Amino acid sequence: QAGGSVRLACTASGRTFTDYVMAWFRRGPGNEREF
């Protein structure tokens, strides 16, 4: 609901997690992917 909050999680596996910078991007309807 608008005004609420959400917590997204991303779980990694397969390589050493601390070797990586992690980021979130998003793509809204009809939009390009944005940082």
PDB file of all heavy atoms in Angstrom:
ATOM      1  N   GLN A   1       0.836  -1.204   0.000  1.00  0.00           N
ATOM      2  CA  GLN A   1       0.000   0.000   0.000  1.00  0.00           C
ATOM      3  C   GLN A   1       0.868   1.250   0.000  1.00  0.00           C
ATOM      4  O   GLN A   1       1.946   1.275   0.637  1.00  0.00           O
ATOM      5  CB  GLN A   1      -0.914  -0.003   1.211  1.00  0.00           C
ATOM      6  CG  GLN A   1      -2.080   0.968   1.117  1.00  0.00           C
ATOM      7  CD  GLN A   1      -3.147   0.661   2.139  1.00  0.00           C
ATOM      8  OE1 GLN A   1      -2.952  -0.131   3.055  1.00  0.00           O
ATOM      9  NE2 GLN A   1      -4.301   1.286   1.996  1.00  0.00           N
ATOM     10  N   ALA A   2       0.422   2.263  -0.705  1.00  0.00           N
ATOM     11  CA  ALA A   2       1.139   3.544  -0.697  1.00  0.00           C
ATOM     12  C   ALA A   2       1.286   4.029   0.736  1.00  0.00           C
ATOM     13  O   ALA A   2       0.349   3.944   1.545  1.00  0.00           O
ATOM     14  CB  ALA A   2       0.388   4.559  -1.538  1.00  0.00           C
ATOM     15  N   GLY A   3       2.460   4.538   1.038  1.00  0.00           N
ATOM     16  CA  GLY A   3       2.754   4.981   2.391  1.00  0.00           C
ATOM     17  C   GLY A   3       3.387   3.918   3.257  1.00  0.00           C
ATOM     18  O   GLY A   3       3.931   4.208   4.323  1.00  0.00           O
ATOM     19  N   GLY A   4       3.319   2.688   2.798  1.00  0.00           N
ATOM     20  CA  GLY A   4       3.919   1.596   3.545  1.00  0.00           C
ATOM     21  C   GLY A   4       5.400   1.448   3.213  1.00  0.00           C
ATOM     22  O   GLY A   4       6.001   2.301   2.558  1.00  0.00           O
ATOM     23  N   SER A   5       5.976   0.367   3.668  1.00  0.00           N
ATOM     24  CA  SER A   5       7.394   0.126   3.430  1.00  0.00           C
ATOM     25  C   SER A   5       7.593  -1.310   2.961  1.00  0.00           C
ATOM     26  O   SER A   5       6.727  -2.171   3.143  1.00  0.00           O
ATOM     27  CB  SER A   5       8.215   0.382   4.696  1.00  0.00           C
ATOM     28  OG  SER A   5       7.824  -0.515   5.721  1.00  0.00           O
ATOM     29  N   VAL A   6       8.723  -1.527   2.348  1.00  0.00           N
ATOM     30  CA  VAL A   6       9.076  -2.861   1.886  1.00  0.00           C
ATOM     31  C   VAL A   6      10.569  -3.055   2.051  1.00  0.00           C
ATOM     32  O   VAL A   6      11.346  -2.092   1.950  1.00  0.00           O
ATOM     33  CB  VAL A   6       8.648  -3.061   0.406  1.00  0.00           C
ATOM     34  CG1 VAL A   6       9.475  -2.194  -0.527  1.00  0.00           C
ATOM     35  CG2 VAL A   6       8.731  -4.521   0.011  1.00  0.00           C
ATOM     36  N   ARG A   7      10.942  -4.280   2.327  1.00  0.00           N
ATOM     37  CA  ARG A   7      12.355  -4.626   2.419  1.00  0.00           C
ATOM     38  C   ARG A   7      12.631  -5.733   1.406  1.00  0.00           C
ATOM     39  O   ARG A   7      12.123  -6.849   1.548  1.00  0.00           O
ATOM     40  CB  ARG A   7      12.713  -5.093   3.821  1.00  0.00           C
ATOM     41  CG  ARG A   7      14.219  -5.327   4.017  1.00  0.00           C
ATOM     42  CD  ARG A   7      14.470  -6.079   5.287  1.00  0.00           C
ATOM     43  NE  ARG A   7      15.846  -6.045   5.720  1.00  0.00           N
ATOM     44  CZ  ARG A   7      16.416  -7.033   6.396  1.00  0.00           C
ATOM     45  NH1 ARG A   7      15.735  -8.103   6.706  1.00  0.00           N
ATOM     46  NH2 ARG A   7      17.678  -6.924   6.783  1.00  0.00           N
ATOM     47  N   LEU A   8      13.422  -5.403   0.427  1.00  0.00           N
ATOM     48  CA  LEU A   8      13.840  -6.381  -0.562  1.00  0.00           C
ATOM     49  C   LEU A   8      15.147  -7.016  -0.121  1.00  0.00           C
ATOM     50  O   LEU A   8      16.012  -6.337   0.432  1.00  0.00           O
ATOM     51  CB  LEU A   8      14.014  -5.714  -1.917  1.00  0.00           C
ATOM     52  CG  LEU A   8      12.786  -4.968  -2.466  1.00  0.00           C
ATOM     53  CD1 LEU A   8      13.152  -4.280  -3.775  1.00  0.00           C
ATOM     54  CD2 LEU A   8      11.623  -5.917  -2.663  1.00  0.00           C
ATOM     55  N   ALA A   9      15.276  -8.290  -0.379  1.00  0.00           N
ATOM     56  CA  ALA A   9      16.508  -9.004  -0.075  1.00  0.00           C
ATOM     57  C   ALA A   9      17.037  -9.664  -1.344  1.00  0.00           C
ATOM     58  O   ALA A   9      16.268 -10.031  -2.231  1.00  0.00           O
ATOM     59  CB  ALA A   9      16.271 -10.056   1.005  1.00  0.00           C
ATOM     60  N   CYS A  10      18.332  -9.777  -1.414  1.00  0.00           N
ATOM     61  CA  CYS A  10      18.980 -10.461  -2.519  1.00  0.00           C
ATOM     62  C   CYS A  10      19.996 -11.428  -1.922  1.00  0.00           C
ATOM     63  O   CYS A  10      20.905 -10.996  -1.211  1.00  0.00           O
ATOM     64  CB  CYS A  10      19.656  -9.456  -3.435  1.00  0.00           C
ATOM     65  SG  CYS A  10      20.707 -10.169  -4.713  1.00  0.00           S
ATOM     66  N   THR A  11      19.823 -12.690  -2.221  1.00  0.00           N
ATOM     67  CA  THR A  11      20.710 -13.723  -1.695  1.00  0.00           C
ATOM     68  C   THR A  11      21.664 -14.186  -2.774  1.00  0.00           C
ATOM     69  O   THR A  11      21.234 -14.510  -3.890  1.00  0.00           O
ATOM     70  CB  THR A  11      19.895 -14.910  -1.167  1.00  0.00           C
ATOM     71  OG1 THR A  11      18.963 -14.438  -0.183  1.00  0.00           O
ATOM     72  CG2 THR A  11      20.804 -15.942  -0.529  1.00  0.00           C
ATOM     73  N   ALA A  12      22.935 -14.196  -2.439  1.00  0.00           N
ATOM     74  CA  ALA A  12      23.975 -14.579  -3.395  1.00  0.00           C
ATOM     75  C   ALA A  12      24.552 -15.945  -3.049  1.00  0.00           C
ATOM     76  O   ALA A  12      24.628 -16.326  -1.881  1.00  0.00           O
ATOM     77  CB  ALA A  12      25.091 -13.536  -3.390  1.00  0.00           C
ATOM     78  N   SER A  13      24.984 -16.640  -4.083  1.00  0.00           N
ATOM     79  CA  SER A  13      25.640 -17.927  -3.881  1.00  0.00           C
ATOM     80  C   SER A  13      26.563 -18.204  -5.051  1.00  0.00           C
ATOM     81  O   SER A  13      26.398 -17.637  -6.135  1.00  0.00           O
ATOM     82  CB  SER A  13      24.608 -19.058  -3.740  1.00  0.00           C
ATOM     83  OG  SER A  13      23.837 -19.170  -4.918  1.00  0.00           O
ATOM     84  N   GLY A  14      27.552 -19.052  -4.805  1.00  0.00           N
ATOM     85  CA  GLY A  14      28.410 -19.515  -5.881  1.00  0.00           C
ATOM     86  C   GLY A  14      29.801 -18.924  -5.920  1.00  0.00           C
ATOM     87  O   GLY A  14      30.722 -19.536  -6.451  1.00  0.00           O
ATOM     88  N   ARG A  15      29.954 -17.723  -5.420  1.00  0.00           N
ATOM     89  CA  ARG A  15      31.259 -17.082  -5.389  1.00  0.00           C
ATOM     90  C   ARG A  15      31.413 -16.362  -4.039  1.00  0.00           C
ATOM     91  O   ARG A  15      30.483 -16.317  -3.233  1.00  0.00           O
ATOM     92  CB  ARG A  15      31.382 -16.062  -6.537  1.00  0.00           C
ATOM     93  CG  ARG A  15      31.472 -16.699  -7.922  1.00  0.00           C
ATOM     94  CD  ARG A  15      32.882 -17.088  -8.287  1.00  0.00           C
ATOM     95  NE  ARG A  15      32.975 -17.753  -9.586  1.00  0.00           N
ATOM     96  CZ  ARG A  15      33.263 -17.133 -10.717  1.00  0.00           C
ATOM     97  NH1 ARG A  15      33.483 -15.829 -10.722  1.00  0.00           N
ATOM     98  NH2 ARG A  15      33.340 -17.806 -11.829  1.00  0.00           N
ATOM     99  N   THR A  16      32.583 -15.782  -3.820  1.00  0.00           N
ATOM    100  CA  THR A  16      32.834 -15.070  -2.570  1.00  0.00           C
ATOM    101  C   THR A  16      32.105 -13.734  -2.583  1.00  0.00           C
ATOM    102  O   THR A  16      32.454 -12.834  -3.356  1.00  0.00           O
ATOM    103  CB  THR A  16      34.340 -14.844  -2.375  1.00  0.00           C
ATOM    104  OG1 THR A  16      35.010 -16.108  -2.397  1.00  0.00           O
ATOM    105  CG2 THR A  16      34.612 -14.148  -1.046  1.00  0.00           C
ATOM    106  N   PHE A  17      31.118 -13.621  -1.756  1.00  0.00           N
ATOM    107  CA  PHE A  17      30.239 -12.447  -1.759  1.00  0.00           C
ATOM    108  C   PHE A  17      31.007 -11.154  -1.526  1.00  0.00           C
ATOM    109  O   PHE A  17      30.699 -10.118  -2.138  1.00  0.00           O
ATOM    110  CB  PHE A  17      29.167 -12.658  -0.670  1.00  0.00           C
ATOM    111  CG  PHE A  17      28.102 -11.606  -0.613  1.00  0.00           C
ATOM    112  CD1 PHE A  17      27.287 -11.363  -1.712  1.00  0.00           C
ATOM    113  CD2 PHE A  17      27.885 -10.874   0.549  1.00  0.00           C
ATOM    114  CE1 PHE A  17      26.286 -10.406  -1.663  1.00  0.00           C
ATOM    115  CE2 PHE A  17      26.894  -9.918   0.612  1.00  0.00           C
ATOM    116  CZ  PHE A  17      26.093  -9.685  -0.493  1.00  0.00           C
ATOM    117  N   THR A  18      32.008 -11.209  -0.681  1.00  0.00           N
ATOM    118  CA  THR A  18      32.737  -9.989  -0.333  1.00  0.00           C
ATOM    119  C   THR A  18      33.701  -9.533  -1.422  1.00  0.00           C
ATOM    120  O   THR A  18      34.398  -8.534  -1.258  1.00  0.00           O
ATOM    121  CB  THR A  18      33.494 -10.177   0.993  1.00  0.00           C
ATOM    122  OG1 THR A  18      34.264 -11.389   0.926  1.00  0.00           O
ATOM    123  CG2 THR A  18      32.530 -10.249   2.168  1.00  0.00           C
ATOM    124  N   ASP A  19      33.746 -10.222  -2.532  1.00  0.00           N
ATOM    125  CA  ASP A  19      34.527  -9.758  -3.676  1.00  0.00           C
ATOM    126  C   ASP A  19      33.738  -8.774  -4.542  1.00  0.00           C
ATOM    127  O   ASP A  19      34.278  -8.233  -5.509  1.00  0.00           O
ATOM    128  CB  ASP A  19      34.926 -10.944  -4.565  1.00  0.00           C
ATOM    129  CG  ASP A  19      36.063 -11.748  -3.983  1.00  0.00           C
ATOM    130  OD1 ASP A  19      36.769 -11.231  -3.089  1.00  0.00           O
ATOM    131  OD2 ASP A  19      36.260 -12.900  -4.430  1.00  0.00           O
ATOM    132  N   TYR A  20      32.479  -8.550  -4.170  1.00  0.00           N
ATOM    133  CA  TYR A  20      31.593  -7.815  -5.051  1.00  0.00           C
ATOM    134  C   TYR A  20      30.998  -6.572  -4.408  1.00  0.00           C
ATOM    135  O   TYR A  20      30.536  -6.600  -3.256  1.00  0.00           O
ATOM    136  CB  TYR A  20      30.444  -8.711  -5.514  1.00  0.00           C
ATOM    137  CG  TYR A  20      30.903  -9.865  -6.361  1.00  0.00           C
ATOM    138  CD1 TYR A  20      31.304 -11.050  -5.767  1.00  0.00           C
ATOM    139  CD2 TYR A  20      30.977  -9.757  -7.746  1.00  0.00           C
ATOM    140  CE1 TYR A  20      31.751 -12.114  -6.540  1.00  0.00           C
ATOM    141  CE2 TYR A  20      31.413 -10.810  -8.524  1.00  0.00           C
ATOM    142  CZ  TYR A  20      31.806 -11.980  -7.917  1.00  0.00           C
ATOM    143  OH  TYR A  20      32.252 -13.023  -8.682  1.00  0.00           O
ATOM    144  N   VAL A  21      31.004  -5.504  -5.196  1.00  0.00           N
ATOM    145  CA  VAL A  21      30.115  -4.386  -4.904  1.00  0.00           C
ATOM    146  C   VAL A  21      28.716  -4.840  -5.303  1.00  0.00           C
ATOM    147  O   VAL A  21      28.522  -5.438  -6.365  1.00  0.00           O
ATOM    148  CB  VAL A  21      30.517  -3.136  -5.713  1.00  0.00           C
ATOM    149  CG1 VAL A  21      29.435  -2.073  -5.650  1.00  0.00           C
ATOM    150  CG2 VAL A  21      31.848  -2.598  -5.220  1.00  0.00           C
ATOM    151  N   MET A  22      27.763  -4.549  -4.451  1.00  0.00           N
ATOM    152  CA  MET A  22      26.378  -4.923  -4.732  1.00  0.00           C
ATOM    153  C   MET A  22      25.544  -3.667  -4.968  1.00  0.00           C
ATOM    154  O   MET A  22      25.789  -2.624  -4.354  1.00  0.00           O
ATOM    155  CB  MET A  22      25.788  -5.719  -3.567  1.00  0.00           C
ATOM    156  CG  MET A  22      26.523  -7.020  -3.270  1.00  0.00           C
ATOM    157  SD  MET A  22      26.514  -8.166  -4.660  1.00  0.00           S
ATOM    158  CE  MET A  22      24.753  -8.491  -4.831  1.00  0.00           C
ATOM    159  N   ALA A  23      24.573  -3.794  -5.835  1.00  0.00           N
ATOM    160  CA  ALA A  23      23.737  -2.639  -6.162  1.00  0.00           C
ATOM    161  C   ALA A  23      22.310  -3.074  -6.433  1.00  0.00           C
ATOM    162  O   ALA A  23      22.036  -4.248  -6.688  1.00  0.00           O
ATOM    163  CB  ALA A  23      24.295  -1.911  -7.378  1.00  0.00           C
ATOM    164  N   TRP A  24      21.441  -2.104  -6.364  1.00  0.00           N
ATOM    165  CA  TRP A  24      20.051  -2.276  -6.764  1.00  0.00           C
ATOM    166  C   TRP A  24      19.757  -1.323  -7.918  1.00  0.00           C
ATOM    167  O   TRP A  24      20.131  -0.155  -7.880  1.00  0.00           O
ATOM    168  CB  TRP A  24      19.110  -1.970  -5.599  1.00  0.00           C
ATOM    169  CG  TRP A  24      19.108  -3.009  -4.527  1.00  0.00           C
ATOM    170  CD1 TRP A  24      19.869  -3.017  -3.386  1.00  0.00           C
ATOM    171  CD2 TRP A  24      18.313  -4.202  -4.483  1.00  0.00           C
ATOM    172  NE1 TRP A  24      19.600  -4.134  -2.646  1.00  0.00           N
ATOM    173  CE2 TRP A  24      18.646  -4.879  -3.292  1.00  0.00           C
ATOM    174  CE3 TRP A  24      17.361  -4.755  -5.323  1.00  0.00           C
ATOM    175  CZ2 TRP A  24      18.053  -6.082  -2.924  1.00  0.00           C
ATOM    176  CZ3 TRP A  24      16.768  -5.960  -4.967  1.00  0.00           C
ATOM    177  CH2 TRP A  24      17.122  -6.609  -3.782  1.00  0.00           C
ATOM    178  N   PHE A  25      19.079  -1.867  -8.909  1.00  0.00           N
ATOM    179  CA  PHE A  25      18.554  -1.091 -10.015  1.00  0.00           C
ATOM    180  C   PHE A  25      17.055  -1.345 -10.071  1.00  0.00           C
ATOM    181  O   PHE A  25      16.563  -2.314  -9.508  1.00  0.00           O
ATOM    182  CB  PHE A  25      19.193  -1.538 -11.342  1.00  0.00           C
ATOM    183  CG  PHE A  25      20.636  -1.167 -11.487  1.00  0.00           C
ATOM    184  CD1 PHE A  25      21.640  -1.888 -10.837  1.00  0.00           C
ATOM    185  CD2 PHE A  25      21.012  -0.101 -12.290  1.00  0.00           C
ATOM    186  CE1 PHE A  25      22.976  -1.545 -10.977  1.00  0.00           C
ATOM    187  CE2 PHE A  25      22.343   0.247 -12.435  1.00  0.00           C
ATOM    188  CZ  PHE A  25      23.328  -0.476 -11.784  1.00  0.00           C
ATOM    189  N   ARG A  26      16.358  -0.477 -10.786  1.00  0.00           N
ATOM    190  CA  ARG A  26      14.923  -0.714 -10.962  1.00  0.00           C
ATOM    191  C   ARG A  26      14.502  -0.293 -12.365  1.00  0.00           C
ATOM    192  O   ARG A  26      15.133   0.561 -12.995  1.00  0.00           O
ATOM    193  CB  ARG A  26      14.107   0.054  -9.923  1.00  0.00           C
ATOM    194  CG  ARG A  26      14.141   1.566 -10.056  1.00  0.00           C
ATOM    195  CD  ARG A  26      13.297   2.214  -8.972  1.00  0.00           C
ATOM    196  NE  ARG A  26      13.346   3.670  -9.068  1.00  0.00           N
ATOM    197  CZ  ARG A  26      12.721   4.500  -8.244  1.00  0.00           C
ATOM    198  NH1 ARG A  26      11.972   4.015  -7.245  1.00  0.00           N
ATOM    199  NH2 ARG A  26      12.816   5.795  -8.398  1.00  0.00           N
ATOM    200  N   ARG A  27      13.417  -0.906 -12.803  1.00  0.00           N
ATOM    201  CA  ARG A  27      12.836  -0.558 -14.100  1.00  0.00           C
ATOM    202  C   ARG A  27      11.338  -0.477 -13.930  1.00  0.00           C
ATOM    203  O   ARG A  27      10.689  -1.490 -13.675  1.00  0.00           O
ATOM    204  CB  ARG A  27      13.193  -1.582 -15.167  1.00  0.00           C
ATOM    205  CG  ARG A  27      12.583  -1.268 -16.528  1.00  0.00           C
ATOM    206  CD  ARG A  27      13.057  -2.241 -17.573  1.00  0.00           C
ATOM    207  NE  ARG A  27      14.451  -2.011 -17.895  1.00  0.00           N
ATOM    208  CZ  ARG A  27      15.163  -2.804 -18.685  1.00  0.00           C
ATOM    209  NH1 ARG A  27      14.625  -3.892 -19.189  1.00  0.00           N
ATOM    210  NH2 ARG A  27      16.416  -2.528 -18.954  1.00  0.00           N
ATOM    211  N   GLY A  28      10.817   0.741 -14.048  1.00  0.00           N
ATOM    212  CA  GLY A  28       9.379   0.953 -13.959  1.00  0.00           C
ATOM    213  C   GLY A  28       8.710   0.716 -15.300  1.00  0.00           C
ATOM    214  O   GLY A  28       9.394   0.596 -16.324  1.00  0.00           O
ATOM    215  N   PRO A  29       7.397   0.657 -15.337  1.00  0.00           N
ATOM    216  CA  PRO A  29       6.663   0.433 -16.586  1.00  0.00           C
ATOM    217  C   PRO A  29       7.017   1.470 -17.635  1.00  0.00           C
ATOM    218  O   PRO A  29       6.889   2.676 -17.402  1.00  0.00           O
ATOM    219  CB  PRO A  29       5.203   0.560 -16.153  1.00  0.00           C
ATOM    220  CG  PRO A  29       5.191   0.294 -14.698  1.00  0.00           C
ATOM    221  CD  PRO A  29       6.505   0.812 -14.183  1.00  0.00           C
ATOM    222  N   GLY A  30       7.501   1.026 -18.771  1.00  0.00           N
ATOM    223  CA  GLY A  30       7.839   1.938 -19.853  1.00  0.00           C
ATOM    224  C   GLY A  30       9.109   2.731 -19.652  1.00  0.00           C
ATOM    225  O   GLY A  30       9.430   3.605 -20.454  1.00  0.00           O
ATOM    226  N   ASN A  31       9.836   2.413 -18.595  1.00  0.00           N
ATOM    227  CA  ASN A  31      11.057   3.176 -18.304  1.00  0.00           C
ATOM    228  C   ASN A  31      12.304   2.338 -18.547  1.00  0.00           C
ATOM    229  O   ASN A  31      12.253   1.111 -18.603  1.00  0.00           O
ATOM    230  CB  ASN A  31      11.045   3.641 -16.848  1.00  0.00           C
ATOM    231  CG  ASN A  31       9.920   4.602 -16.572  1.00  0.00           C
ATOM    232  OD1 ASN A  31       9.458   5.307 -17.461  1.00  0.00           O
ATOM    233  ND2 ASN A  31       9.461   4.622 -15.331  1.00  0.00           N
ATOM    234  N   GLU A  32      13.406   3.035 -18.641  1.00  0.00           N
ATOM    235  CA  GLU A  32      14.678   2.334 -18.725  1.00  0.00           C
ATOM    236  C   GLU A  32      15.126   1.926 -17.323  1.00  0.00           C
ATOM    237  O   GLU A  32      14.684   2.477 -16.318  1.00  0.00           O
ATOM    238  CB  GLU A  32      15.735   3.230 -19.368  1.00  0.00           C
ATOM    239  CG  GLU A  32      15.441   3.563 -20.816  1.00  0.00           C
ATOM    240  CD  GLU A  32      16.581   4.344 -21.460  1.00  0.00           C
ATOM    241  OE1 GLU A  32      17.522   4.713 -20.742  1.00  0.00           O
ATOM    242  OE2 GLU A  32      16.511   4.577 -22.673  1.00  0.00           O
ATOM    243  N   ARG A  33      16.030   0.979 -17.269  1.00  0.00           N
ATOM    244  CA  ARG A  33      16.597   0.576 -15.991  1.00  0.00           C
ATOM    245  C   ARG A  33      17.362   1.754 -15.392  1.00  0.00           C
ATOM    246  O   ARG A  33      18.118   2.431 -16.089  1.00  0.00           O
ATOM    247  CB  ARG A  33      17.526  -0.610 -16.184  1.00  0.00           C
ATOM    248  CG  ARG A  33      18.217  -1.085 -14.920  1.00  0.00           C
ATOM    249  CD  ARG A  33      19.206  -2.179 -15.262  1.00  0.00           C
ATOM    250  NE  ARG A  33      18.556  -3.440 -15.539  1.00  0.00           N
ATOM    251  CZ  ARG A  33      19.144  -4.433 -16.205  1.00  0.00           C
ATOM    252  NH1 ARG A  33      20.361  -4.290 -16.673  1.00  0.00           N
ATOM    253  NH2 ARG A  33      18.491  -5.559 -16.404  1.00  0.00           N
ATOM    254  N   GLU A  34      17.183   1.980 -14.113  1.00  0.00           N
ATOM    255  CA  GLU A  34      17.890   3.075 -13.465  1.00  0.00           C
ATOM    256  C   GLU A  34      18.568   2.603 -12.186  1.00  0.00           C
ATOM    257  O   GLU A  34      18.073   1.709 -11.497  1.00  0.00           O
ATOM    258  CB  GLU A  34      16.936   4.239 -13.142  1.00  0.00           C
ATOM    259  CG  GLU A  34      15.854   3.916 -12.145  1.00  0.00           C
ATOM    260  CD  GLU A  34      15.070   5.147 -11.688  1.00  0.00           C
ATOM    261  OE1 GLU A  34      15.655   6.256 -11.693  1.00  0.00           O
ATOM    262  OE2 GLU A  34      13.896   4.980 -11.321  1.00  0.00           O
ATOM    263  N   PHE A  35      19.673   3.224 -11.919  1.00  0.00           N
ATOM    264  CA  PHE A  35      20.444   2.939 -10.711  1.00  0.00           C
ATOM    265  C   PHE A  35      19.711   3.453  -9.488  1.00  0.00           C
ATOM    266  O   PHE A  35      19.169   4.557  -9.499  1.00  0.00           O
ATOM    267  CB  PHE A  35      21.812   3.606 -10.815  1.00  0.00           C
ATOM    268  CG  PHE A  35      22.619   3.563  -9.549  1.00  0.00           C
ATOM    269  CD1 PHE A  35      23.319   2.430  -9.197  1.00  0.00           C
ATOM    270  CD2 PHE A  35      22.667   4.675  -8.713  1.00  0.00           C
ATOM    271  CE1 PHE A  35      24.062   2.394  -8.022  1.00  0.00           C
ATOM    272  CE2 PHE A  35      23.410   4.649  -7.546  1.00  0.00           C
ATOM    273  CZ  PHE A  35      24.108   3.510  -7.201  1.00  0.00           C
TER     274      PHE A  35
END
